[in-house]
Amino acid sequence: MHELSICQSLMNQVEQIAAQRHASSVISIILGIGPLAGVETQLLKNAYPIASVGTIAEDAELIIESLPLRVKCNECGTESDVLPNKLICKKCGDWKTTLVSGDELMLMSVELECANDGEQQETTENMDNIVDKNLH
């Protein structure tokens, strides 16, 4: 079950973000997961409470958003949303396509409570992938 190691990597990244912003706690974490990311969403949800115990995000809500699967046609250049088992161009029907998105596992947003003013602060900066694609 590599979902536990994904959650542990997520906790490391969230703790670094919280420390940089002097947060007292994490309110919520939003992950974006594409259908080809190789991650079982339910297993990730089950692993999260285990990985978050004793961290600043222990009581944070984990929100998982599904990301679209998009391809670009190598023949006509059209980008289209597709299904995992049908990676063909929706315009011309060609099978020679390049994956544009849909294999991501992205930390999209972290909502923090700051220690100094008690106000919630949400960070939505461009976050790096949580896991190296080579782990899939």
Protein backbone atom coordinates (compact mmCIF):
# COMPACT_ATOMS: atom_id res chain seq x y z
CA MET A 1 0.00 0.00 0.00
CA HIS A 2 2.00 2.96 -1.25
CA GLU A 3 -0.84 5.32 -0.27
CA LEU A 4 0.58 5.44 3.28
CA SER A 5 3.97 6.59 2.00
CA ILE A 6 2.18 9.18 -0.15
CA CYS A 7 0.40 10.48 2.96
CA GLN A 8 3.68 10.58 4.87
CA SER A 9 5.25 12.64 2.07
CA LEU A 10 2.19 14.86 2.09
CA MET A 11 2.57 15.43 5.85
CA ASN A 12 6.23 16.40 5.39
CA GLN A 13 5.31 18.94 2.73
CA VAL A 14 2.37 20.35 4.70
CA GLU A 15 4.49 20.68 7.85
CA GLN A 16 7.15 22.60 5.86
CA ILE A 17 4.51 24.97 4.46
CA ALA A 18 2.97 25.50 7.92
CA ALA A 19 6.40 26.19 9.45
CA GLN A 20 7.29 28.71 6.72
CA ARG A 21 4.07 30.61 7.42
CA HIS A 22 4.25 30.28 11.23
CA ALA A 23 0.91 28.47 11.35
CA SER A 24 -0.49 27.05 14.56
CA SER A 25 -2.62 24.43 12.80
CA VAL A 26 -3.81 23.17 9.44
CA ILE A 27 -7.54 23.45 8.76
CA SER A 28 -7.78 21.64 5.44
CA ILE A 29 -5.70 20.08 2.69
CA ILE A 30 -6.88 19.84 -0.89
CA LEU A 31 -5.33 17.23 -3.17
CA GLY A 32 -5.93 16.91 -6.88
CA ILE A 33 -5.70 13.39 -8.26
CA GLY A 34 -5.90 12.44 -11.92
CA PRO A 35 -7.45 9.13 -12.98
CA LEU A 36 -4.06 7.83 -14.18
CA ALA A 37 -2.13 8.81 -11.03
CA GLY A 38 -1.98 5.21 -9.83
CA VAL A 39 -3.50 6.11 -6.46
CA GLU A 40 -6.55 4.53 -4.88
CA THR A 41 -8.53 7.45 -3.41
CA GLN A 42 -10.21 5.37 -0.69
CA LEU A 43 -6.90 3.84 0.43
CA LEU A 44 -5.42 7.35 0.57
CA LYS A 45 -8.34 8.53 2.73
CA ASN A 46 -7.84 5.51 5.01
CA ALA A 47 -4.07 6.12 5.32
CA TYR A 48 -4.40 9.84 6.05
CA PRO A 49 -5.43 9.55 9.75
CA ILE A 50 -2.49 7.22 10.39
CA ALA A 51 0.06 9.48 8.68
CA SER A 52 -1.27 12.69 10.24
CA VAL A 53 -1.21 11.54 13.90
CA GLY A 54 1.09 13.80 15.90
CA THR A 55 1.50 16.34 13.09
CA ILE A 56 0.26 19.90 12.78
CA ALA A 57 -2.34 18.53 10.34
CA GLU A 58 -3.73 15.88 12.68
CA ASP A 59 -7.20 17.48 12.79
CA ALA A 60 -7.19 18.83 9.23
CA GLU A 61 -9.82 17.83 6.73
CA LEU A 62 -8.47 16.02 3.67
CA ILE A 63 -10.36 17.02 0.51
CA ILE A 64 -9.70 15.10 -2.69
CA GLU A 65 -10.64 16.59 -6.06
CA SER A 66 -10.68 14.60 -9.28
CA LEU A 67 -8.61 16.16 -12.04
CA PRO A 68 -9.55 15.82 -15.72
CA LEU A 69 -7.86 13.46 -18.13
CA ARG A 70 -6.80 15.48 -21.19
CA VAL A 71 -4.91 14.57 -24.32
CA LYS A 72 -3.55 16.58 -27.24
CA CYS A 73 -3.85 15.14 -30.72
CA ASN A 74 -0.53 14.81 -32.53
CA GLU A 75 -2.33 15.08 -35.89
CA CYS A 76 -4.80 18.00 -35.56
CA GLY A 77 -3.53 19.63 -32.33
CA THR A 78 -6.90 19.54 -30.55
CA GLU A 79 -6.97 19.11 -26.76
CA SER A 80 -9.86 17.09 -25.39
CA ASP A 81 -11.13 15.56 -22.16
CA VAL A 82 -11.14 11.78 -22.54
CA LEU A 83 -11.82 8.59 -20.61
CA PRO A 84 -8.97 6.45 -19.22
CA ASN A 85 -9.73 3.62 -21.63
CA LYS A 86 -10.29 5.88 -24.67
CA LEU A 87 -7.32 8.23 -25.19
CA ILE A 88 -8.29 9.27 -28.71
CA CYS A 89 -8.87 12.72 -30.19
CA LYS A 90 -12.50 13.81 -29.89
CA LYS A 91 -12.22 15.96 -33.04
CA CYS A 92 -10.58 13.70 -35.62
CA GLY A 93 -10.63 10.32 -33.85
CA ASP A 94 -6.88 9.72 -34.20
CA TRP A 95 -5.21 7.52 -31.58
CA LYS A 96 -1.85 9.35 -31.74
CA THR A 97 -2.27 11.58 -28.72
CA THR A 98 -0.07 12.97 -25.97
CA LEU A 99 -1.20 13.08 -22.35
CA VAL A 100 -1.64 16.69 -21.20
CA SER A 101 -3.08 16.02 -17.74
CA GLY A 102 -4.61 13.24 -15.72
CA ASP A 103 -1.62 11.52 -14.12
CA GLU A 104 -1.05 14.17 -11.42
CA LEU A 105 -1.07 13.88 -7.68
CA MET A 106 -0.95 17.53 -6.65
CA LEU A 107 -1.12 19.41 -3.39
CA MET A 108 -3.44 22.16 -4.57
CA SER A 109 -4.23 24.09 -1.40
CA VAL A 110 -3.55 24.19 2.32
CA GLU A 111 -5.72 26.23 4.67
CA LEU A 112 -3.75 27.35 7.73
CA GLU A 113 -4.53 29.00 11.04
CA CYS A 114 -1.79 31.46 11.86
CA ALA A 115 -0.36 31.50 15.38
CA ASN A 116 0.06 35.26 15.76
CA ASP A 117 -3.34 36.61 14.81
CA GLY A 118 -5.71 33.65 15.15
CA GLU A 119 -7.04 34.28 11.65
CA GLN A 120 -7.22 31.62 9.01
CA GLN A 121 -4.96 32.02 6.03
CA GLU A 122 -5.28 29.94 2.88
CA THR A 123 -2.29 29.31 0.71
CA THR A 124 -2.89 28.37 -2.89
CA GLU A 125 0.59 28.89 -4.23
CA ASN A 126 1.84 26.72 -7.05
CA MET A 127 2.56 23.49 -5.19
CA ASP A 128 4.96 20.81 -6.43
CA ASN A 129 3.88 17.23 -6.97
CA ILE A 130 3.84 15.37 -3.68
CA VAL A 131 5.30 12.20 -5.09
CA ASP A 132 7.92 11.66 -7.74
CA LYS A 133 6.19 10.14 -10.76
CA ASN A 134 8.75 7.30 -10.69
CA LEU A 135 7.08 5.87 -7.60
CA HIS A 136 4.03 4.88 -9.61
